[in-house]
Each structure stands twice: as structure tokens, then as C-alpha cells.
Amino acid sequence: MSKDQQVQAVRVANVAEACEIRLRAERKAGQLLVGMDKRNGGDAMRARSVATTELNVPPTLGDLGISRDQSSKWQKLAAVPEDDFEAMVEADLPF
């Protein structure tokens, strides 16, 4: 194997490892999102009638820098059973 081929093989391995790390992080984020309190919204009358402070109001996805699309995808990933998730990661299957 030439030097260029060795370098390319290392790059491919690094990309695969980075993808696995990202996938695991997104799954963990989805698990955290599932466990979070949801923010009430859309009812201005109710929002004005309830005394709130910044301490007792859960953050919005926007506050967390997360899009609705990301939240949905991550929560779906979190719903995959652990054994199935690990099998897919080990087999390099797309989610």
C-alpha cells in the first residue's frame, strides 16, 4: 500500500469515527429533549394570567439553538431501541 493510500485509509477511518461520535451525540440530545419539560405557548391570555419568572419557564428550542427539524430527528433517533442502535452503528448502516 502506498503512502497516499495509507493516508486516505486513515482519513476514511477518521470520518467514520466522527460520524459515529456525531450520531451518538445526536441520540443523547434526543434523549435529553424527550425528558425535558415542554414550554406552553400560543395562548396569550393564559400566559399573561400565570405569574412566570425566567427560572420556572423551560427554554424553547430556539433558546437552545436547536431547530424543530433537528429536535424531531434526534428524538426519533433516541426512540430506536439500544440493541438495534448499536447493531446499526457497528454495521455502518444509515439511520
PDB file of N, CA and C in Angstrom:
ATOM      1  N   MET A   1       0.855  -1.178   0.000  1.00  0.00           N
ATOM      2  CA  MET A   1       0.000   0.000   0.000  1.00  0.00           C
ATOM      3  C   MET A   1       0.899   1.239   0.000  1.00  0.00           C
ATOM      4  N   SER A   2       0.612   2.163  -0.897  1.00  0.00           N
ATOM      5  CA  SER A   2       1.440   3.367  -0.996  1.00  0.00           C
ATOM      6  C   SER A   2       1.125   4.331   0.155  1.00  0.00           C
ATOM      7  N   LYS A   3       1.972   5.303   0.311  1.00  0.00           N
ATOM      8  CA  LYS A   3       1.796   6.307   1.356  1.00  0.00           C
ATOM      9  C   LYS A   3       0.465   7.049   1.183  1.00  0.00           C
ATOM     10  N   ASP A   4       0.122   7.408  -0.056  1.00  0.00           N
ATOM     11  CA  ASP A   4      -1.140   8.097  -0.330  1.00  0.00           C
ATOM     12  C   ASP A   4      -2.341   7.230   0.039  1.00  0.00           C
ATOM     13  N   GLN A   5      -2.254   5.948  -0.244  1.00  0.00           N
ATOM     14  CA  GLN A   5      -3.346   5.036   0.103  1.00  0.00           C
ATOM     15  C   GLN A   5      -3.483   4.893   1.618  1.00  0.00           C
ATOM     16  N   GLN A   6      -2.376   4.893   2.316  1.00  0.00           N
ATOM     17  CA  GLN A   6      -2.409   4.810   3.774  1.00  0.00           C
ATOM     18  C   GLN A   6      -3.051   6.058   4.373  1.00  0.00           C
ATOM     19  N   VAL A   7      -2.670   7.203   3.842  1.00  0.00           N
ATOM     20  CA  VAL A   7      -3.243   8.464   4.320  1.00  0.00           C
ATOM     21  C   VAL A   7      -4.754   8.474   4.056  1.00  0.00           C
ATOM     22  N   GLN A   8      -5.148   8.045   2.871  1.00  0.00           N
ATOM     23  CA  GLN A   8      -6.577   8.004   2.531  1.00  0.00           C
ATOM     24  C   GLN A   8      -7.326   7.044   3.449  1.00  0.00           C
ATOM     25  N   ALA A   9      -6.755   5.913   3.767  1.00  0.00           N
ATOM     26  CA  ALA A   9      -7.394   4.940   4.655  1.00  0.00           C
ATOM     27  C   ALA A   9      -7.581   5.526   6.054  1.00  0.00           C
ATOM     28  N   VAL A  10      -6.592   6.263   6.520  1.00  0.00           N
ATOM     29  CA  VAL A  10      -6.700   6.910   7.830  1.00  0.00           C
ATOM     30  C   VAL A  10      -7.794   7.965   7.801  1.00  0.00           C
ATOM     31  N   ARG A  11      -7.869   8.723   6.720  1.00  0.00           N
ATOM     32  CA  ARG A  11      -8.915   9.748   6.592  1.00  0.00           C
ATOM     33  C   ARG A  11     -10.304   9.124   6.612  1.00  0.00           C
ATOM     34  N   VAL A  12     -10.479   8.040   5.894  1.00  0.00           N
ATOM     35  CA  VAL A  12     -11.777   7.365   5.850  1.00  0.00           C
ATOM     36  C   VAL A  12     -12.144   6.862   7.246  1.00  0.00           C
ATOM     37  N   ALA A  13     -11.174   6.295   7.952  1.00  0.00           N
ATOM     38  CA  ALA A  13     -11.417   5.803   9.314  1.00  0.00           C
ATOM     39  C   ALA A  13     -11.772   6.962  10.238  1.00  0.00           C
ATOM     40  N   ASN A  14     -11.108   8.095  10.089  1.00  0.00           N
ATOM     41  CA  ASN A  14     -11.404   9.267  10.923  1.00  0.00           C
ATOM     42  C   ASN A  14     -12.805   9.815  10.652  1.00  0.00           C
ATOM     43  N   VAL A  15     -13.202   9.832   9.396  1.00  0.00           N
ATOM     44  CA  VAL A  15     -14.543  10.304   9.041  1.00  0.00           C
ATOM     45  C   VAL A  15     -15.596   9.366   9.632  1.00  0.00           C
ATOM     46  N   ALA A  16     -15.359   8.072   9.532  1.00  0.00           N
ATOM     47  CA  ALA A  16     -16.310   7.097  10.088  1.00  0.00           C
ATOM     48  C   ALA A  16     -16.429   7.262  11.598  1.00  0.00           C
ATOM     49  N   GLU A  17     -15.308   7.477  12.269  1.00  0.00           N
ATOM     50  CA  GLU A  17     -15.330   7.674  13.718  1.00  0.00           C
ATOM     51  C   GLU A  17     -16.061   8.966  14.083  1.00  0.00           C
ATOM     52  N   ALA A  18     -15.823  10.023  13.323  1.00  0.00           N
ATOM     53  CA  ALA A  18     -16.501  11.299  13.579  1.00  0.00           C
ATOM     54  C   ALA A  18     -18.010  11.158  13.374  1.00  0.00           C
ATOM     55  N   CYS A  19     -18.418  10.417  12.362  1.00  0.00           N
ATOM     56  CA  CYS A  19     -19.847  10.190  12.115  1.00  0.00           C
ATOM     57  C   CYS A  19     -20.484   9.423  13.268  1.00  0.00           C
ATOM     58  N   GLU A  20     -19.781   8.428  13.791  1.00  0.00           N
ATOM     59  CA  GLU A  20     -20.305   7.671  14.925  1.00  0.00           C
ATOM     60  C   GLU A  20     -20.441   8.557  16.164  1.00  0.00           C
ATOM     61  N   ILE A  21     -19.449   9.393  16.412  1.00  0.00           N
ATOM     62  CA  ILE A  21     -19.499  10.302  17.563  1.00  0.00           C
ATOM     63  C   ILE A  21     -20.682  11.258  17.424  1.00  0.00           C
ATOM     64  N   ARG A  22     -20.868  11.801  16.229  1.00  0.00           N
ATOM     65  CA  ARG A  22     -21.983  12.732  15.997  1.00  0.00           C
ATOM     66  C   ARG A  22     -23.324  12.030  16.196  1.00  0.00           C
ATOM     67  N   LEU A  23     -23.450  10.808  15.676  1.00  0.00           N
ATOM     68  CA  LEU A  23     -24.680  10.045  15.807  1.00  0.00           C
ATOM     69  C   LEU A  23     -25.012   9.782  17.266  1.00  0.00           C
ATOM     70  N   ARG A  24     -24.003   9.402  18.037  1.00  0.00           N
ATOM     71  CA  ARG A  24     -24.218   9.146  19.471  1.00  0.00           C
ATOM     72  C   ARG A  24     -24.592  10.435  20.213  1.00  0.00           C
ATOM     73  N   ALA A  25     -23.965  11.546  19.830  1.00  0.00           N
ATOM     74  CA  ALA A  25     -24.288  12.829  20.467  1.00  0.00           C
ATOM     75  C   ALA A  25     -25.718  13.262  20.133  1.00  0.00           C
ATOM     76  N   GLU A  26     -26.132  13.078  18.888  1.00  0.00           N
ATOM     77  CA  GLU A  26     -27.492  13.442  18.492  1.00  0.00           C
ATOM     78  C   GLU A  26     -28.508  12.551  19.196  1.00  0.00           C
ATOM     79  N   ARG A  27     -28.195  11.281  19.364  1.00  0.00           N
ATOM     80  CA  ARG A  27     -29.088  10.374  20.094  1.00  0.00           C
ATOM     81  C   ARG A  27     -29.227  10.825  21.547  1.00  0.00           C
ATOM     82  N   LYS A  28     -28.101  11.184  22.163  1.00  0.00           N
ATOM     83  CA  LYS A  28     -28.132  11.646  23.554  1.00  0.00           C
ATOM     84  C   LYS A  28     -28.934  12.944  23.662  1.00  0.00           C
ATOM     85  N   ALA A  29     -28.750  13.852  22.719  1.00  0.00           N
ATOM     86  CA  ALA A  29     -29.519  15.100  22.727  1.00  0.00           C
ATOM     87  C   ALA A  29     -31.013  14.799  22.611  1.00  0.00           C
ATOM     88  N   GLY A  30     -31.377  13.834  21.771  1.00  0.00           N
ATOM     89  CA  GLY A  30     -32.768  13.434  21.637  1.00  0.00           C
ATOM     90  C   GLY A  30     -33.320  12.879  22.937  1.00  0.00           C
ATOM     91  N   GLN A  31     -32.516  12.095  23.639  1.00  0.00           N
ATOM     92  CA  GLN A  31     -32.943  11.556  24.934  1.00  0.00           C
ATOM     93  C   GLN A  31     -33.166  12.681  25.939  1.00  0.00           C
ATOM     94  N   LEU A  32     -32.293  13.664  25.926  1.00  0.00           N
ATOM     95  CA  LEU A  32     -32.447  14.802  26.836  1.00  0.00           C
ATOM     96  C   LEU A  32     -33.688  15.622  26.488  1.00  0.00           C
ATOM     97  N   LEU A  33     -33.931  15.808  25.198  1.00  0.00           N
ATOM     98  CA  LEU A  33     -35.110  16.571  24.770  1.00  0.00           C
ATOM     99  C   LEU A  33     -36.403  15.862  25.175  1.00  0.00           C
ATOM    100  N   VAL A  34     -36.427  14.548  25.047  1.00  0.00           N
ATOM    101  CA  VAL A  34     -37.620  13.788  25.430  1.00  0.00           C
ATOM    102  C   VAL A  34     -37.920  13.993  26.911  1.00  0.00           C
ATOM    103  N   GLY A  35     -36.884  14.065  27.734  1.00  0.00           N
ATOM    104  CA  GLY A  35     -37.058  14.204  29.174  1.00  0.00           C
ATOM    105  C   GLY A  35     -37.329  15.614  29.657  1.00  0.00           C
ATOM    106  N   MET A  36     -37.191  16.596  28.778  1.00  0.00           N
ATOM    107  CA  MET A  36     -37.390  17.993  29.191  1.00  0.00           C
ATOM    108  C   MET A  36     -38.860  18.347  29.318  1.00  0.00           C
ATOM    109  N   ASP A  37     -39.142  19.298  30.203  1.00  0.00           N
ATOM    110  CA  ASP A  37     -40.482  19.870  30.272  1.00  0.00           C
ATOM    111  C   ASP A  37     -40.728  20.661  29.001  1.00  0.00           C
ATOM    112  N   LYS A  38     -41.949  20.573  28.491  1.00  0.00           N
ATOM    113  CA  LYS A  38     -42.319  21.308  27.283  1.00  0.00           C
ATOM    114  C   LYS A  38     -42.777  22.710  27.661  1.00  0.00           C
ATOM    115  N   ARG A  39     -42.538  23.638  26.786  1.00  0.00           N
ATOM    116  CA  ARG A  39     -42.926  25.026  27.019  1.00  0.00           C
ATOM    117  C   ARG A  39     -44.340  25.253  26.520  1.00  0.00           C
ATOM    118  N   ASN A  40     -45.178  25.849  27.342  1.00  0.00           N
ATOM    119  CA  ASN A  40     -46.520  26.224  26.912  1.00  0.00           C
ATOM    120  C   ASN A  40     -46.407  27.404  25.968  1.00  0.00           C
ATOM    121  N   GLY A  41     -47.192  27.398  24.944  1.00  0.00           N
ATOM    122  CA  GLY A  41     -47.129  28.514  24.015  1.00  0.00           C
ATOM    123  C   GLY A  41     -48.414  28.666  23.247  1.00  0.00           C
ATOM    124  N   GLY A  42     -48.570  29.797  22.631  1.00  0.00           N
ATOM    125  CA  GLY A  42     -49.697  30.024  21.767  1.00  0.00           C
ATOM    126  C   GLY A  42     -50.935  30.612  22.423  1.00  0.00           C
ATOM    127  N   ASP A  43     -51.055  30.558  23.725  1.00  0.00           N
ATOM    128  CA  ASP A  43     -52.240  31.078  24.404  1.00  0.00           C
ATOM    129  C   ASP A  43     -51.831  32.313  25.205  1.00  0.00           C
ATOM    130  N   ALA A  44     -51.978  33.466  24.590  1.00  0.00           N
ATOM    131  CA  ALA A  44     -51.504  34.703  25.211  1.00  0.00           C
ATOM    132  C   ALA A  44     -52.251  35.031  26.496  1.00  0.00           C
ATOM    133  N   MET A  45     -53.545  34.753  26.541  1.00  0.00           N
ATOM    134  CA  MET A  45     -54.328  35.049  27.756  1.00  0.00           C
ATOM    135  C   MET A  45     -53.820  34.220  28.935  1.00  0.00           C
ATOM    136  N   ARG A  46     -53.584  32.951  28.690  1.00  0.00           N
ATOM    137  CA  ARG A  46     -53.096  32.087  29.766  1.00  0.00           C
ATOM    138  C   ARG A  46     -51.684  32.507  30.179  1.00  0.00           C
ATOM    139  N   ALA A  47     -50.875  32.877  29.216  1.00  0.00           N
ATOM    140  CA  ALA A  47     -49.508  33.280  29.514  1.00  0.00           C
ATOM    141  C   ALA A  47     -49.479  34.533  30.384  1.00  0.00           C
ATOM    142  N   ARG A  48     -50.418  35.463  30.146  1.00  0.00           N
ATOM    143  CA  ARG A  48     -50.452  36.685  30.942  1.00  0.00           C
ATOM    144  C   ARG A  48     -51.059  36.454  32.321  1.00  0.00           C
ATOM    145  N   SER A  49     -51.912  35.436  32.436  1.00  0.00           N
ATOM    146  CA  SER A  49     -52.601  35.221  33.705  1.00  0.00           C
ATOM    147  C   SER A  49     -51.770  34.410  34.696  1.00  0.00           C
ATOM    148  N   VAL A  50     -50.735  33.779  34.234  1.00  0.00           N
ATOM    149  CA  VAL A  50     -49.896  32.960  35.112  1.00  0.00           C
ATOM    150  C   VAL A  50     -48.599  33.711  35.381  1.00  0.00           C
ATOM    151  N   ALA A  51     -48.297  33.870  36.664  1.00  0.00           N
ATOM    152  CA  ALA A  51     -47.045  34.538  37.013  1.00  0.00           C
ATOM    153  C   ALA A  51     -45.885  33.621  36.656  1.00  0.00           C
ATOM    154  N   THR A  52     -44.994  34.119  35.831  1.00  0.00           N
ATOM    155  CA  THR A  52     -43.824  33.328  35.440  1.00  0.00           C
ATOM    156  C   THR A  52     -42.568  34.131  35.689  1.00  0.00           C
ATOM    157  N   THR A  53     -41.532  33.415  35.935  1.00  0.00           N
ATOM    158  CA  THR A  53     -40.210  34.022  36.023  1.00  0.00           C
ATOM    159  C   THR A  53     -39.313  33.254  35.074  1.00  0.00           C
ATOM    160  N   GLU A  54     -38.184  33.801  34.806  1.00  0.00           N
ATOM    161  CA  GLU A  54     -37.247  33.114  33.920  1.00  0.00           C
ATOM    162  C   GLU A  54     -36.772  31.796  34.514  1.00  0.00           C
ATOM    163  N   LEU A  55     -36.884  31.636  35.831  1.00  0.00           N
ATOM    164  CA  LEU A  55     -36.415  30.416  36.471  1.00  0.00           C
ATOM    165  C   LEU A  55     -37.359  29.239  36.294  1.00  0.00           C
ATOM    166  N   ASN A  56     -38.659  29.488  36.174  1.00  0.00           N
ATOM    167  CA  ASN A  56     -39.579  28.365  36.091  1.00  0.00           C
ATOM    168  C   ASN A  56     -40.139  28.134  34.689  1.00  0.00           C
ATOM    169  N   VAL A  57     -39.608  28.806  33.695  1.00  0.00           N
ATOM    170  CA  VAL A  57     -40.050  28.626  32.322  1.00  0.00           C
ATOM    171  C   VAL A  57     -39.001  27.803  31.587  1.00  0.00           C
ATOM    172  N   PRO A  58     -39.411  26.645  31.042  1.00  0.00           N
ATOM    173  CA  PRO A  58     -38.429  25.847  30.310  1.00  0.00           C
ATOM    174  C   PRO A  58     -37.968  26.596  29.050  1.00  0.00           C
ATOM    175  N   PRO A  59     -36.750  26.349  28.609  1.00  0.00           N
ATOM    176  CA  PRO A  59     -36.249  27.033  27.414  1.00  0.00           C
ATOM    177  C   PRO A  59     -36.951  26.522  26.154  1.00  0.00           C
ATOM    178  N   THR A  60     -37.017  27.382  25.167  1.00  0.00           N
ATOM    179  CA  THR A  60     -37.548  26.965  23.865  1.00  0.00           C
ATOM    180  C   THR A  60     -36.420  26.298  23.090  1.00  0.00           C
ATOM    181  N   LEU A  61     -36.786  25.619  22.009  1.00  0.00           N
ATOM    182  CA  LEU A  61     -35.751  25.028  21.153  1.00  0.00           C
ATOM    183  C   LEU A  61     -34.832  26.123  20.628  1.00  0.00           C
ATOM    184  N   GLY A  62     -35.420  27.276  20.285  1.00  0.00           N
ATOM    185  CA  GLY A  62     -34.615  28.405  19.808  1.00  0.00           C
ATOM    186  C   GLY A  62     -33.618  28.878  20.845  1.00  0.00           C
ATOM    187  N   ASP A  63     -34.051  28.885  22.116  1.00  0.00           N
ATOM    188  CA  ASP A  63     -33.136  29.266  23.191  1.00  0.00           C
ATOM    189  C   ASP A  63     -31.935  28.326  23.244  1.00  0.00           C
ATOM    190  N   LEU A  64     -32.179  27.071  22.894  1.00  0.00           N
ATOM    191  CA  LEU A  64     -31.127  26.055  22.938  1.00  0.00           C
ATOM    192  C   LEU A  64     -30.320  25.980  21.647  1.00  0.00           C
ATOM    193  N   GLY A  65     -30.748  26.750  20.641  1.00  0.00           N
ATOM    194  CA  GLY A  65     -30.049  26.729  19.354  1.00  0.00           C
ATOM    195  C   GLY A  65     -30.346  25.479  18.541  1.00  0.00           C
ATOM    196  N   ILE A  66     -31.549  24.909  18.748  1.00  0.00           N
ATOM    197  CA  ILE A  66     -31.953  23.675  18.079  1.00  0.00           C
ATOM    198  C   ILE A  66     -33.171  23.978  17.210  1.00  0.00           C
ATOM    199  N   SER A  67     -33.142  23.505  15.964  1.00  0.00           N
ATOM    200  CA  SER A  67     -34.300  23.689  15.088  1.00  0.00           C
ATOM    201  C   SER A  67     -35.344  22.611  15.386  1.00  0.00           C
ATOM    202  N   ARG A  68     -36.573  22.862  14.957  1.00  0.00           N
ATOM    203  CA  ARG A  68     -37.634  21.861  15.146  1.00  0.00           C
ATOM    204  C   ARG A  68     -37.291  20.581  14.395  1.00  0.00           C
ATOM    205  N   ASP A  69     -36.685  20.723  13.223  1.00  0.00           N
ATOM    206  CA  ASP A  69     -36.304  19.562  12.421  1.00  0.00           C
ATOM    207  C   ASP A  69     -35.255  18.724  13.155  1.00  0.00           C
ATOM    208  N   GLN A  70     -34.234  19.395  13.711  1.00  0.00           N
ATOM    209  CA  GLN A  70     -33.212  18.673  14.473  1.00  0.00           C
ATOM    210  C   GLN A  70     -33.837  17.970  15.667  1.00  0.00           C
ATOM    211  N   SER A  71     -34.684  18.674  16.399  1.00  0.00           N
ATOM    212  CA  SER A  71     -35.331  18.098  17.567  1.00  0.00           C
ATOM    213  C   SER A  71     -36.103  16.834  17.193  1.00  0.00           C
ATOM    214  N   SER A  72     -36.855  16.912  16.121  1.00  0.00           N
ATOM    215  CA  SER A  72     -37.647  15.764  15.681  1.00  0.00           C
ATOM    216  C   SER A  72     -36.750  14.582  15.311  1.00  0.00           C
ATOM    217  N   LYS A  73     -35.728  14.848  14.501  1.00  0.00           N
ATOM    218  CA  LYS A  73     -34.821  13.774  14.073  1.00  0.00           C
ATOM    219  C   LYS A  73     -34.101  13.151  15.261  1.00  0.00           C
ATOM    220  N   TRP A  74     -33.632  13.976  16.174  1.00  0.00           N
ATOM    221  CA  TRP A  74     -32.883  13.470  17.333  1.00  0.00           C
ATOM    222  C   TRP A  74     -33.781  12.651  18.260  1.00  0.00           C
ATOM    223  N   GLN A  75     -35.022  13.081  18.430  1.00  0.00           N
ATOM    224  CA  GLN A  75     -35.941  12.333  19.290  1.00  0.00           C
ATOM    225  C   GLN A  75     -36.315  10.996  18.649  1.00  0.00           C
ATOM    226  N   LYS A  76     -36.429  10.961  17.333  1.00  0.00           N
ATOM    227  CA  LYS A  76     -36.675   9.689  16.641  1.00  0.00           C
ATOM    228  C   LYS A  76     -35.472   8.756  16.812  1.00  0.00           C
ATOM    229  N   LEU A  77     -34.288   9.313  16.712  1.00  0.00           N
ATOM    230  CA  LEU A  77     -33.070   8.523  16.905  1.00  0.00           C
ATOM    231  C   LEU A  77     -33.009   7.978  18.327  1.00  0.00           C
ATOM    232  N   ALA A  78     -33.430   8.774  19.287  1.00  0.00           N
ATOM    233  CA  ALA A  78     -33.431   8.341  20.689  1.00  0.00           C
ATOM    234  C   ALA A  78     -34.440   7.219  20.929  1.00  0.00           C
ATOM    235  N   ALA A  79     -35.471   7.154  20.096  1.00  0.00           N
ATOM    236  CA  ALA A  79     -36.511   6.139  20.271  1.00  0.00           C
ATOM    237  C   ALA A  79     -36.099   4.763  19.746  1.00  0.00           C
ATOM    238  N   VAL A  80     -35.015   4.699  18.986  1.00  0.00           N
ATOM    239  CA  VAL A  80     -34.534   3.413  18.483  1.00  0.00           C
ATOM    240  C   VAL A  80     -34.029   2.592  19.670  1.00  0.00           C
ATOM    241  N   PRO A  81     -34.486   1.346  19.803  1.00  0.00           N
ATOM    242  CA  PRO A  81     -34.010   0.514  20.916  1.00  0.00           C
ATOM    243  C   PRO A  81     -32.482   0.401  20.921  1.00  0.00           C
ATOM    244  N   GLU A  82     -31.907   0.362  22.101  1.00  0.00           N
ATOM    245  CA  GLU A  82     -30.444   0.370  22.270  1.00  0.00           C
ATOM    246  C   GLU A  82     -29.754  -0.722  21.450  1.00  0.00           C
ATOM    247  N   ASP A  83     -30.269  -1.945  21.502  1.00  0.00           N
ATOM    248  CA  ASP A  83     -29.642  -3.050  20.771  1.00  0.00           C
ATOM    249  C   ASP A  83     -29.661  -2.802  19.265  1.00  0.00           C
ATOM    250  N   ASP A  84     -30.782  -2.307  18.756  1.00  0.00           N
ATOM    251  CA  ASP A  84     -30.887  -2.008  17.327  1.00  0.00           C
ATOM    252  C   ASP A  84     -29.936  -0.874  16.941  1.00  0.00           C
ATOM    253  N   PHE A  85     -29.854   0.151  17.779  1.00  0.00           N
ATOM    254  CA  PHE A  85     -28.956   1.272  17.522  1.00  0.00           C
ATOM    255  C   PHE A  85     -27.505   0.791  17.439  1.00  0.00           C
ATOM    256  N   GLU A  86     -27.091   0.006  18.424  1.00  0.00           N
ATOM    257  CA  GLU A  86     -25.703  -0.487  18.440  1.00  0.00           C
ATOM    258  C   GLU A  86     -25.415  -1.371  17.236  1.00  0.00           C
ATOM    259  N   ALA A  87     -26.378  -2.199  16.845  1.00  0.00           N
ATOM    260  CA  ALA A  87     -26.183  -3.060  15.676  1.00  0.00           C
ATOM    261  C   ALA A  87     -26.022  -2.224  14.411  1.00  0.00           C
ATOM    262  N   MET A  88     -26.814  -1.148  14.295  1.00  0.00           N
ATOM    263  CA  MET A  88     -26.708  -0.282  13.119  1.00  0.00           C
ATOM    264  C   MET A  88     -25.376   0.465  13.094  1.00  0.00           C
ATOM    265  N   VAL A  89     -24.940   0.927  14.252  1.00  0.00           N
ATOM    266  CA  VAL A  89     -23.666   1.642  14.318  1.00  0.00           C
ATOM    267  C   VAL A  89     -22.522   0.706  13.937  1.00  0.00           C
ATOM    268  N   GLU A  90     -22.541  -0.491  14.475  1.00  0.00           N
ATOM    269  CA  GLU A  90     -21.468  -1.455  14.179  1.00  0.00           C
ATOM    270  C   GLU A  90     -21.477  -1.893  12.712  1.00  0.00           C
ATOM    271  N   ALA A  91     -22.647  -1.946  12.115  1.00  0.00           N
ATOM    272  CA  ALA A  91     -22.761  -2.377  10.723  1.00  0.00           C
ATOM    273  C   ALA A  91     -22.616  -1.216   9.739  1.00  0.00           C
ATOM    274  N   ASP A  92     -22.434   0.010  10.275  1.00  0.00           N
ATOM    275  CA  ASP A  92     -22.328   1.204   9.429  1.00  0.00           C
ATOM    276  C   ASP A  92     -23.558   1.398   8.542  1.00  0.00           C
ATOM    277  N   LEU A  93     -24.739   1.058   9.086  1.00  0.00           N
ATOM    278  CA  LEU A  93     -25.978   1.242   8.341  1.00  0.00           C
ATOM    279  C   LEU A  93     -26.470   2.668   8.504  1.00  0.00           C
ATOM    280  N   PRO A  94     -27.070   3.235   7.452  1.00  0.00           N
ATOM    281  CA  PRO A  94     -27.622   4.586   7.590  1.00  0.00           C
ATOM    282  C   PRO A  94     -28.882   4.560   8.437  1.00  0.00           C
ATOM    283  N   PHE A  95     -29.117   5.646   9.163  1.00  0.00           N
ATOM    284  CA  PHE A  95     -30.305   5.745  10.015  1.00  0.00           C
ATOM    285  C   PHE A  95     -31.393   6.471   9.283  1.00  0.00           C
TER     286      PHE A  95
END
